[in-house]
Amino acid sequence: MAVWLKRGAPQQERADIQKSVSETVERILEDIQMRGDAAVRELSQKFDGWNPESLVLSDREKQDCLDQLSSQDLKDIEFAQAQVRNFAQIQRDSMHEVEVETLPGVVLGHKHVPVNAAGCYVPGGKYPLLASAHMSVITAKVAGVPRVISCAPPFQGKPAPAIVAAQVMAGADDIYVLGGVQAIGAMAIGTESIKPVDIIVGPGNAFVAEAKRKLFGRVGIDLFAGPTETLVIADEIGADGELCATDLLGQAEHGPDSPAILLTTSAKLARETMAEIERLLQILPTADHAGKAWATYGEVIVAESDEEMVAIADEIASEHVQVMTADPDYFLKNMTNYGALFLGPRTNVSYGDKVIGTNHTLPTGKAARYTGGLWVGKFLKTCTYQRVTTDAASAMIGEYCSRLCALEGFAGHGEQANVRVRRYGQRDVPYAGRAEPVIA
């Protein structure tokens, strides 16, 4: 039986916070729907102190941002983007189109068709998270999306040079300096100056995630990517207190609402990690965010076995799962609910977040139970087609279809089949309006 040495905030407290977020987002989206650009600009001024002549960057403004970065900065961005682009292309190449003759004269197939327009959100209010530009814009471009726009909030009162550079280098067609719910609403609903898109992707805070939730259906979304979550699974053989504490706080620094959980079979390692966390919080520059997250949402769980850790981990369904145990592959083989796994002490969530090549936009809030993270396939529609190439095949399928339609009482559907049996099968088939199916 597992023991919790530390628990996070109660679910009711989290639900109350979410209710407030939902009400706020509803009002903002209604305002954007009614007033378009005027509402977006007022919201941008209110939340970000930002209301320039144009929210979309000119070529000159883009170049100014690029010029503010060193050559090493640009090389580092280029390296990270090359890894993301390479893995996205590998994923795309794995998606084969299909055309097969399933019966004599009956050909079925599917194609992977990219959406026509994608909107990519790049969070950057607290930190200039340029990596999100790689993950969204590049992946959309590899999928073949013709129009890819991106939005990121201003950082310290101006466009964040690193984010803009990443968006430019990733290939965004239009770059807007616009953040929060107003960015999501503008891309999904459309305004006088922003043409709406077909799908919106990218991580964000609770307000951004709620905006995507409310707009889902009007547009597609990648997934519900709310506050960052991390789960560290460890034992005394695979890790020590320093590694566990560092990996927990490294993700908790995203914000004060970011859950960070240690799951271990060692009470000794659990206590060492908790002590190390307190030590690191005295020196970590981002301790303000990380400390609040750990205090409110941090958890420490001691399980009896690897099997129990798998069961608990699948129940948590965390966005990031760092596995540092004697046998990390056991968790790869047996876990089913997670956004991404980071196996062994040599890797970590930060690698996935920034540079290794896998996508860092991952499911949160237990969404890992039913979806994986953002990947090239999210921008593609798998669309089927059918072709009947012989008279005999059409007549044969038509006879089955006619009888099945009669079972359902769909006379019109049945007549679609019957007319082809009459035409291609040279059979006297009565009109289906009399509910008389083809008799074999």
Protein backbone atom coordinates (compact mmCIF):
# COMPACT_ATOMS: atom_id res chain seq x y z
CA MET A 1 0.00 0.00 0.00
CA ALA A 2 1.48 3.34 -1.05
CA VAL A 3 2.11 6.07 1.50
CA TRP A 4 1.90 9.81 0.75
CA LEU A 5 4.63 11.71 2.60
CA LYS A 6 3.35 14.94 1.05
CA ARG A 7 0.07 15.74 -0.69
CA GLY A 8 -0.92 18.55 -3.04
CA ALA A 9 -3.89 20.87 -2.88
CA PRO A 10 -7.31 19.17 -2.60
CA GLN A 11 -9.23 18.58 -5.82
CA GLN A 12 -12.05 20.89 -4.67
CA GLU A 13 -9.64 23.78 -4.34
CA ARG A 14 -8.39 23.14 -7.86
CA ALA A 15 -11.97 22.92 -9.14
CA ASP A 16 -12.84 26.28 -7.59
CA ILE A 17 -9.87 27.89 -9.30
CA GLN A 18 -10.86 26.33 -12.62
CA LYS A 19 -14.43 27.65 -12.30
CA SER A 20 -13.14 31.21 -11.92
CA VAL A 21 -10.85 30.78 -14.91
CA SER A 22 -13.71 29.44 -17.02
CA GLU A 23 -15.97 32.40 -16.27
CA THR A 24 -13.26 34.91 -17.11
CA VAL A 25 -12.43 33.21 -20.40
CA GLU A 26 -16.10 33.06 -21.39
CA ARG A 27 -16.47 36.83 -21.01
CA ILE A 28 -13.31 37.54 -23.00
CA LEU A 29 -14.29 35.29 -25.90
CA GLU A 30 -17.76 36.82 -26.08
CA ASP A 31 -16.18 40.27 -26.25
CA ILE A 32 -13.89 39.23 -29.10
CA GLN A 33 -16.83 37.70 -30.94
CA MET A 34 -18.78 40.95 -30.67
CA ARG A 35 -16.10 43.58 -31.17
CA GLY A 36 -13.23 41.94 -33.03
CA ASP A 37 -10.03 43.95 -33.29
CA ALA A 38 -11.22 46.60 -30.83
CA ALA A 39 -11.70 44.00 -28.10
CA VAL A 40 -8.39 42.29 -28.88
CA ARG A 41 -6.49 45.57 -28.65
CA GLU A 42 -8.16 46.58 -25.39
CA LEU A 43 -7.36 43.18 -23.88
CA SER A 44 -3.77 43.37 -25.08
CA GLN A 45 -3.42 46.79 -23.46
CA LYS A 46 -5.07 45.62 -20.25
CA PHE A 47 -3.11 42.40 -19.74
CA ASP A 48 0.20 43.10 -21.48
CA GLY A 49 0.41 46.89 -21.72
CA TRP A 50 0.77 46.43 -25.47
CA ASN A 51 -1.15 48.26 -28.21
CA PRO A 52 1.12 49.09 -31.16
CA GLU A 53 0.02 50.42 -34.52
CA SER A 54 0.10 46.88 -35.90
CA LEU A 55 0.01 43.61 -33.96
CA VAL A 56 1.63 41.74 -36.84
CA LEU A 57 5.38 42.20 -37.21
CA SER A 58 6.84 43.73 -40.35
CA ASP A 59 9.90 42.29 -42.08
CA ARG A 60 11.94 45.14 -40.61
CA GLU A 61 10.77 44.39 -37.09
CA LYS A 62 11.57 40.71 -37.54
CA GLN A 63 15.08 41.53 -38.71
CA ASP A 64 15.58 43.90 -35.78
CA CYS A 65 14.86 41.02 -33.42
CA LEU A 66 17.24 38.70 -35.26
CA ASP A 67 19.95 41.36 -35.09
CA GLN A 68 19.67 41.47 -31.29
CA LEU A 69 20.82 37.86 -30.96
CA SER A 70 24.42 36.71 -31.09
CA SER A 71 25.67 34.32 -33.74
CA GLN A 72 25.87 31.60 -31.07
CA ASP A 73 22.25 32.25 -30.09
CA LEU A 74 21.18 31.79 -33.70
CA LYS A 75 23.28 28.65 -34.10
CA ASP A 76 21.74 27.17 -30.96
CA ILE A 77 18.22 27.88 -32.21
CA GLU A 78 19.15 26.42 -35.58
CA PHE A 79 20.47 23.23 -33.92
CA ALA A 80 17.32 22.77 -31.84
CA GLN A 81 15.09 23.37 -34.85
CA ALA A 82 17.03 20.87 -36.92
CA GLN A 83 16.34 18.18 -34.31
CA VAL A 84 12.62 18.99 -34.15
CA ARG A 85 12.32 19.17 -37.95
CA ASN A 86 14.15 15.87 -38.38
CA PHE A 87 11.96 13.94 -35.96
CA ALA A 88 8.79 15.53 -37.34
CA GLN A 89 9.84 14.45 -40.84
CA ILE A 90 10.52 10.92 -39.59
CA GLN A 91 7.01 10.87 -38.13
CA ARG A 92 5.53 12.19 -41.38
CA ASP A 93 7.38 9.57 -43.40
CA SER A 94 5.88 6.85 -41.21
CA MET A 95 2.36 7.86 -42.24
CA HIS A 96 1.68 5.94 -45.42
CA GLU A 97 -1.19 6.57 -47.77
CA VAL A 98 -3.22 3.52 -48.66
CA GLU A 99 -5.00 2.25 -51.76
CA VAL A 100 -6.04 -1.40 -51.94
CA GLU A 101 -8.48 -3.58 -53.87
CA THR A 102 -10.41 -5.17 -51.02
CA LEU A 103 -12.76 -7.13 -53.28
CA PRO A 104 -12.63 -7.65 -57.05
CA GLY A 105 -13.51 -4.24 -58.51
CA VAL A 106 -13.69 -2.46 -55.12
CA VAL A 107 -10.86 -0.04 -54.35
CA LEU A 108 -10.55 1.70 -50.96
CA GLY A 109 -7.93 4.18 -49.83
CA HIS A 110 -6.98 7.05 -47.60
CA LYS A 111 -4.92 10.18 -47.99
CA HIS A 112 -3.32 12.42 -45.37
CA VAL A 113 -4.49 15.95 -46.15
CA PRO A 114 -3.01 18.93 -44.25
CA VAL A 115 -5.33 21.55 -42.82
CA ASN A 116 -5.30 24.84 -44.68
CA ALA A 117 -4.34 27.12 -41.80
CA ALA A 118 -2.82 26.63 -38.36
CA GLY A 119 -2.42 29.04 -35.47
CA CYS A 120 0.53 28.44 -33.15
CA TYR A 121 0.59 29.89 -29.65
CA VAL A 122 4.00 30.53 -28.10
CA PRO A 123 3.79 31.37 -24.39
CA GLY A 124 6.19 34.04 -23.24
CA GLY A 125 4.75 36.19 -20.47
CA LYS A 126 7.05 35.06 -17.64
CA TYR A 127 9.81 33.48 -19.74
CA PRO A 128 10.51 33.84 -23.49
CA LEU A 129 9.73 30.20 -24.33
CA LEU A 130 11.14 30.17 -27.83
CA ALA A 131 11.16 26.36 -27.95
CA SER A 132 7.39 26.38 -28.38
CA ALA A 133 7.88 28.03 -31.76
CA HIS A 134 9.99 25.09 -32.91
CA MET A 135 7.47 22.57 -31.68
CA SER A 136 4.42 24.11 -33.32
CA VAL A 137 5.46 26.06 -36.42
CA ILE A 138 8.02 23.56 -37.69
CA THR A 139 5.72 20.61 -37.11
CA ALA A 140 2.91 22.32 -39.03
CA LYS A 141 5.24 23.14 -41.89
CA VAL A 142 6.56 19.58 -42.10
CA ALA A 143 2.93 18.42 -42.29
CA GLY A 144 2.46 20.70 -45.31
CA VAL A 145 0.12 23.33 -43.84
CA PRO A 146 0.03 26.23 -46.37
CA ARG A 147 -0.65 29.04 -43.88
CA VAL A 148 0.92 29.00 -40.43
CA ILE A 149 0.58 32.02 -38.15
CA SER A 150 2.00 32.41 -34.67
CA CYS A 151 1.19 34.51 -31.64
CA ALA A 152 3.38 35.29 -28.64
CA PRO A 153 2.88 37.95 -25.97
CA PRO A 154 5.32 40.81 -25.53
CA PHE A 155 8.12 40.21 -23.07
CA GLN A 156 9.11 43.08 -20.80
CA GLY A 157 7.17 45.55 -22.93
CA LYS A 158 8.36 44.57 -26.41
CA PRO A 159 8.57 41.61 -28.78
CA ALA A 160 10.87 38.95 -27.32
CA PRO A 161 13.82 38.81 -29.74
CA ALA A 162 14.50 35.12 -29.16
CA ILE A 163 10.86 34.13 -29.68
CA VAL A 164 10.60 36.22 -32.84
CA ALA A 165 13.83 34.74 -34.18
CA ALA A 166 12.56 31.22 -33.52
CA GLN A 167 9.26 31.97 -35.25
CA VAL A 168 11.03 33.45 -38.27
CA MET A 169 13.52 30.59 -38.53
CA ALA A 170 10.74 28.03 -38.11
CA GLY A 171 8.91 29.50 -41.11
CA ALA A 172 5.84 31.25 -39.67
CA ASP A 173 3.98 33.14 -42.39
CA ASP A 174 2.70 35.89 -40.08
CA ILE A 175 3.91 36.68 -36.57
CA TYR A 176 1.65 38.51 -34.12
CA VAL A 177 2.78 40.02 -30.84
CA LEU A 178 -0.32 39.00 -28.96
CA GLY A 179 -0.80 36.82 -25.91
CA GLY A 180 -3.28 35.05 -23.69
CA VAL A 181 -6.96 34.43 -24.33
CA GLN A 182 -7.07 37.34 -26.75
CA ALA A 183 -4.57 35.58 -29.02
CA ILE A 184 -6.43 32.27 -28.94
CA GLY A 185 -9.76 34.02 -29.52
CA ALA A 186 -8.46 36.12 -32.40
CA MET A 187 -6.98 33.10 -34.19
CA ALA A 188 -10.07 30.93 -33.72
CA ILE A 189 -12.87 33.47 -34.16
CA GLY A 190 -11.11 35.85 -36.52
CA THR A 191 -11.20 39.64 -36.53
CA GLU A 192 -11.10 42.38 -39.13
CA SER A 193 -7.31 42.00 -39.36
CA ILE A 194 -6.75 38.34 -38.45
CA LYS A 195 -8.16 35.63 -40.69
CA PRO A 196 -9.29 32.63 -38.61
CA VAL A 197 -7.39 29.35 -38.71
CA ASP A 198 -8.52 25.71 -38.79
CA ILE A 199 -6.53 24.42 -35.83
CA ILE A 200 -4.83 26.03 -32.82
CA VAL A 201 -1.84 24.42 -31.14
CA GLY A 202 0.64 25.24 -28.43
CA PRO A 203 0.90 25.22 -24.64
CA GLY A 204 -0.11 27.98 -22.26
CA ASN A 205 -1.40 28.81 -18.83
CA ALA A 206 -4.79 27.82 -17.40
CA PHE A 207 -6.53 30.68 -19.24
CA VAL A 208 -5.07 29.69 -22.60
CA ALA A 209 -6.00 26.05 -22.03
CA GLU A 210 -9.56 27.01 -21.09
CA ALA A 211 -9.89 29.20 -24.19
CA LYS A 212 -8.88 26.26 -26.36
CA ARG A 213 -11.36 24.05 -24.54
CA LYS A 214 -14.23 26.46 -25.15
CA LEU A 215 -13.33 26.96 -28.82
CA PHE A 216 -12.84 23.28 -29.61
CA GLY A 217 -15.32 22.36 -32.32
CA ARG A 218 -15.24 25.79 -33.85
CA VAL A 219 -11.60 25.03 -34.56
CA GLY A 220 -9.47 21.98 -34.00
CA ILE A 221 -6.96 21.94 -31.19
CA ASP A 222 -3.93 19.85 -30.46
CA LEU A 223 -4.85 19.00 -26.86
CA PHE A 224 -5.58 20.62 -23.52
CA ALA A 225 -2.11 21.76 -22.49
CA GLY A 226 -2.46 23.52 -19.15
CA PRO A 227 0.08 24.09 -16.38
CA THR A 228 3.19 21.93 -16.66
CA GLU A 229 3.14 18.63 -14.78
CA THR A 230 6.07 16.41 -13.89
CA LEU A 231 6.30 13.00 -12.28
CA VAL A 232 9.66 11.59 -11.21
CA ILE A 233 9.72 7.81 -10.75
CA ALA A 234 12.90 6.76 -8.98
CA ASP A 235 14.60 4.23 -6.75
CA GLU A 236 17.93 4.19 -4.92
CA ILE A 237 19.65 2.33 -7.75
CA GLY A 238 18.62 4.73 -10.49
CA ALA A 239 18.84 8.11 -8.78
CA ASP A 240 19.72 10.15 -5.72
CA GLY A 241 18.14 13.06 -3.91
CA GLU A 242 19.95 15.70 -5.93
CA LEU A 243 18.79 14.34 -9.30
CA CYS A 244 15.21 13.90 -8.13
CA ALA A 245 15.00 17.34 -6.52
CA THR A 246 16.55 19.04 -9.53
CA ASP A 247 14.19 17.37 -11.98
CA LEU A 248 11.15 18.23 -9.85
CA LEU A 249 12.02 21.89 -9.34
CA GLY A 250 13.24 22.23 -12.93
CA GLN A 251 9.64 21.82 -14.07
CA ALA A 252 7.92 23.41 -11.06
CA GLU A 253 9.56 26.71 -12.04
CA HIS A 254 7.10 26.98 -14.94
CA GLY A 255 4.61 28.53 -12.53
CA PRO A 256 3.03 28.34 -9.10
CA ASP A 257 0.33 25.96 -10.36
CA SER A 258 2.67 23.31 -11.80
CA PRO A 259 2.35 19.92 -10.06
CA ALA A 260 5.62 18.11 -9.28
CA ILE A 261 5.39 14.57 -7.89
CA LEU A 262 8.00 12.09 -6.66
CA LEU A 263 7.00 8.43 -6.84
CA THR A 264 9.50 6.01 -5.34
CA THR A 265 9.92 2.65 -3.63
CA SER A 266 12.46 4.15 -1.21
CA ALA A 267 11.37 6.14 1.85
CA LYS A 268 15.05 7.06 2.31
CA LEU A 269 15.26 8.55 -1.20
CA ALA A 270 11.95 10.34 -0.64
CA ARG A 271 13.21 12.09 2.50
CA GLU A 272 16.58 12.91 0.92
CA THR A 273 14.76 14.47 -2.05
CA MET A 274 12.51 16.56 0.17
CA ALA A 275 15.53 17.85 2.09
CA GLU A 276 17.38 18.60 -1.14
CA ILE A 277 14.38 20.51 -2.48
CA GLU A 278 14.42 22.78 0.57
CA ARG A 279 18.14 23.39 0.05
CA LEU A 280 17.76 24.17 -3.65
CA LEU A 281 14.89 26.55 -3.00
CA GLN A 282 17.31 28.73 -1.06
CA ILE A 283 19.53 29.24 -4.10
CA LEU A 284 17.39 28.66 -7.21
CA PRO A 285 16.80 31.99 -9.04
CA THR A 286 13.27 30.87 -9.96
CA ALA A 287 12.45 29.71 -6.43
CA ASP A 288 9.51 32.10 -6.23
CA HIS A 289 7.52 30.12 -8.79
CA ALA A 290 9.04 26.72 -8.04
CA GLY A 291 8.62 27.08 -4.29
CA LYS A 292 4.95 27.98 -4.54
CA ALA A 293 4.31 25.11 -6.93
CA TRP A 294 6.07 22.65 -4.65
CA ALA A 295 4.29 23.93 -1.53
CA THR A 296 0.84 23.79 -3.12
CA TYR A 297 0.99 21.00 -5.68
CA GLY A 298 4.07 18.98 -4.77
CA GLU A 299 3.59 15.36 -3.71
CA VAL A 300 5.82 12.55 -2.45
CA ILE A 301 4.55 8.98 -2.72
CA VAL A 302 6.30 5.85 -1.44
CA ALA A 303 5.10 2.65 -3.12
CA GLU A 304 5.89 -0.95 -2.30
CA SER A 305 6.95 -2.15 -5.76
CA ASP A 306 7.56 -1.21 -9.37
CA GLU A 307 4.18 -2.75 -10.22
CA GLU A 308 2.45 -0.42 -7.76
CA MET A 309 4.38 2.55 -9.14
CA VAL A 310 3.10 1.73 -12.62
CA ALA A 311 -0.48 1.62 -11.36
CA ILE A 312 -0.13 4.92 -9.50
CA ALA A 313 1.64 6.59 -12.44
CA ASP A 314 -1.09 5.52 -14.85
CA GLU A 315 -3.69 6.96 -12.48
CA ILE A 316 -1.80 10.27 -12.30
CA ALA A 317 -1.38 10.33 -16.11
CA SER A 318 1.29 13.02 -15.92
CA GLU A 319 2.46 15.19 -18.78
CA HIS A 320 6.16 14.44 -18.17
CA VAL A 321 7.41 11.24 -16.57
CA GLN A 322 11.10 11.05 -15.66
CA VAL A 323 12.08 7.43 -14.90
CA MET A 324 15.30 6.84 -12.95
CA THR A 325 15.11 3.28 -11.69
CA ALA A 326 17.14 0.08 -11.94
CA ASP A 327 15.07 -0.91 -15.00
CA PRO A 328 13.56 2.10 -16.80
CA ASP A 329 12.45 -0.07 -19.72
CA TYR A 330 10.01 -1.84 -17.39
CA PHE A 331 8.02 1.40 -17.26
CA LEU A 332 8.28 1.91 -21.03
CA LYS A 333 6.84 -1.58 -21.50
CA ASN A 334 4.08 -1.36 -18.89
CA MET A 335 2.92 2.25 -18.53
CA THR A 336 -0.01 3.39 -20.66
CA ASN A 337 -0.92 6.93 -19.50
CA TYR A 338 1.74 9.61 -19.99
CA GLY A 339 2.58 12.53 -22.22
CA ALA A 340 6.24 11.64 -22.68
CA LEU A 341 8.70 9.32 -20.96
CA PHE A 342 12.29 10.30 -20.17
CA LEU A 343 14.17 7.11 -19.48
CA GLY A 344 17.27 6.93 -17.29
CA PRO A 345 19.32 9.53 -15.44
CA ARG A 346 21.17 10.68 -18.58
CA THR A 347 18.06 12.27 -20.04
CA ASN A 348 15.58 14.67 -18.48
CA VAL A 349 12.47 16.69 -19.24
CA SER A 350 14.47 19.80 -20.08
CA TYR A 351 16.07 18.01 -23.03
CA GLY A 352 12.62 17.25 -24.40
CA ASP A 353 11.41 20.77 -23.66
CA LYS A 354 14.20 22.49 -25.52
CA VAL A 355 16.29 20.57 -27.96
CA ILE A 356 16.32 16.77 -28.27
CA GLY A 357 13.72 16.66 -31.07
CA THR A 358 10.51 15.22 -29.62
CA ASN A 359 7.61 17.63 -29.22
CA HIS A 360 7.14 19.35 -25.87
CA THR A 361 3.45 20.19 -26.29
CA LEU A 362 1.97 17.37 -24.23
CA PRO A 363 -1.33 16.44 -22.54
CA THR A 364 -2.04 17.67 -19.01
CA GLY A 365 -4.96 17.31 -16.59
CA LYS A 366 -5.12 13.51 -17.11
CA ALA A 367 -5.66 13.95 -20.86
CA ALA A 368 -2.81 11.46 -21.34
CA ARG A 369 -5.48 8.80 -20.76
CA TYR A 370 -6.79 9.40 -24.28
CA THR A 371 -4.26 11.39 -26.31
CA GLY A 372 -0.59 11.78 -26.94
CA GLY A 373 1.23 15.03 -27.54
CA LEU A 374 1.48 17.34 -30.51
CA TRP A 375 3.00 15.72 -33.58
CA VAL A 376 2.90 16.08 -37.31
CA GLY A 377 -0.25 13.95 -37.53
CA LYS A 378 -2.26 16.58 -35.61
CA PHE A 379 -2.10 18.84 -38.66
CA LEU A 380 -3.25 16.12 -41.05
CA LYS A 381 -6.73 14.84 -41.81
CA THR A 382 -6.80 11.17 -42.77
CA CYS A 383 -9.50 11.17 -45.43
CA THR A 384 -10.87 8.04 -47.05
CA TYR A 385 -12.05 7.48 -50.63
CA GLN A 386 -13.79 4.68 -52.48
CA ARG A 387 -13.89 3.57 -56.08
CA VAL A 388 -15.93 0.76 -57.67
CA THR A 389 -14.37 -0.16 -61.00
CA THR A 390 -16.63 -2.90 -62.45
CA ASP A 391 -20.34 -3.39 -63.09
CA ALA A 392 -20.27 -6.73 -61.32
CA ALA A 393 -18.75 -5.24 -58.17
CA SER A 394 -21.27 -2.41 -58.02
CA ALA A 395 -24.19 -4.80 -58.44
CA MET A 396 -22.84 -7.23 -55.85
CA ILE A 397 -22.20 -4.52 -53.21
CA GLY A 398 -25.53 -2.96 -54.10
CA GLU A 399 -27.46 -6.13 -53.26
CA TYR A 400 -25.94 -6.30 -49.78
CA CYS A 401 -26.46 -2.57 -49.27
CA SER A 402 -30.11 -2.72 -50.33
CA ARG A 403 -30.97 -5.45 -47.84
CA LEU A 404 -29.12 -3.72 -45.01
CA CYS A 405 -30.90 -0.42 -45.75
CA ALA A 406 -34.24 -2.22 -45.56
CA LEU A 407 -33.34 -3.49 -42.09
CA GLU A 408 -32.91 0.13 -41.02
CA GLY A 409 -35.94 1.46 -42.86
CA PHE A 410 -33.85 3.81 -45.01
CA ALA A 411 -35.73 3.68 -48.32
CA GLY A 412 -33.76 6.46 -49.97
CA HIS A 413 -30.47 4.86 -49.06
CA GLY A 414 -31.76 1.58 -50.40
CA GLU A 415 -32.73 3.10 -53.72
CA GLN A 416 -29.18 4.41 -54.13
CA ALA A 417 -28.13 0.79 -54.14
CA ASN A 418 -31.08 -0.52 -56.13
CA VAL A 419 -30.64 1.85 -59.06
CA ARG A 420 -27.11 0.55 -59.49
CA VAL A 421 -28.17 -3.08 -59.24
CA ARG A 422 -30.73 -2.39 -61.99
CA ARG A 423 -28.22 -0.50 -64.12
CA TYR A 424 -25.12 -2.62 -63.66
CA GLY A 425 -26.54 -6.00 -62.74
CA GLN A 426 -29.28 -6.29 -65.37
CA ARG A 427 -31.75 -7.25 -62.64
CA ASP A 428 -35.35 -6.15 -62.21
CA VAL A 429 -35.14 -4.46 -58.84
CA PRO A 430 -38.26 -2.68 -57.50
CA TYR A 431 -38.17 0.91 -56.25
CA ALA A 432 -36.92 0.94 -52.65
CA GLY A 433 -39.64 3.40 -51.65
CA ARG A 434 -41.87 0.33 -51.39
CA ALA A 435 -39.41 -1.04 -48.80
CA GLU A 436 -38.68 -4.03 -51.04
CA PRO A 437 -34.96 -4.83 -50.86
CA VAL A 438 -33.02 -6.83 -53.35
CA ILE A 439 -33.55 -10.55 -52.73
CA ALA A 440 -30.42 -12.63 -53.13
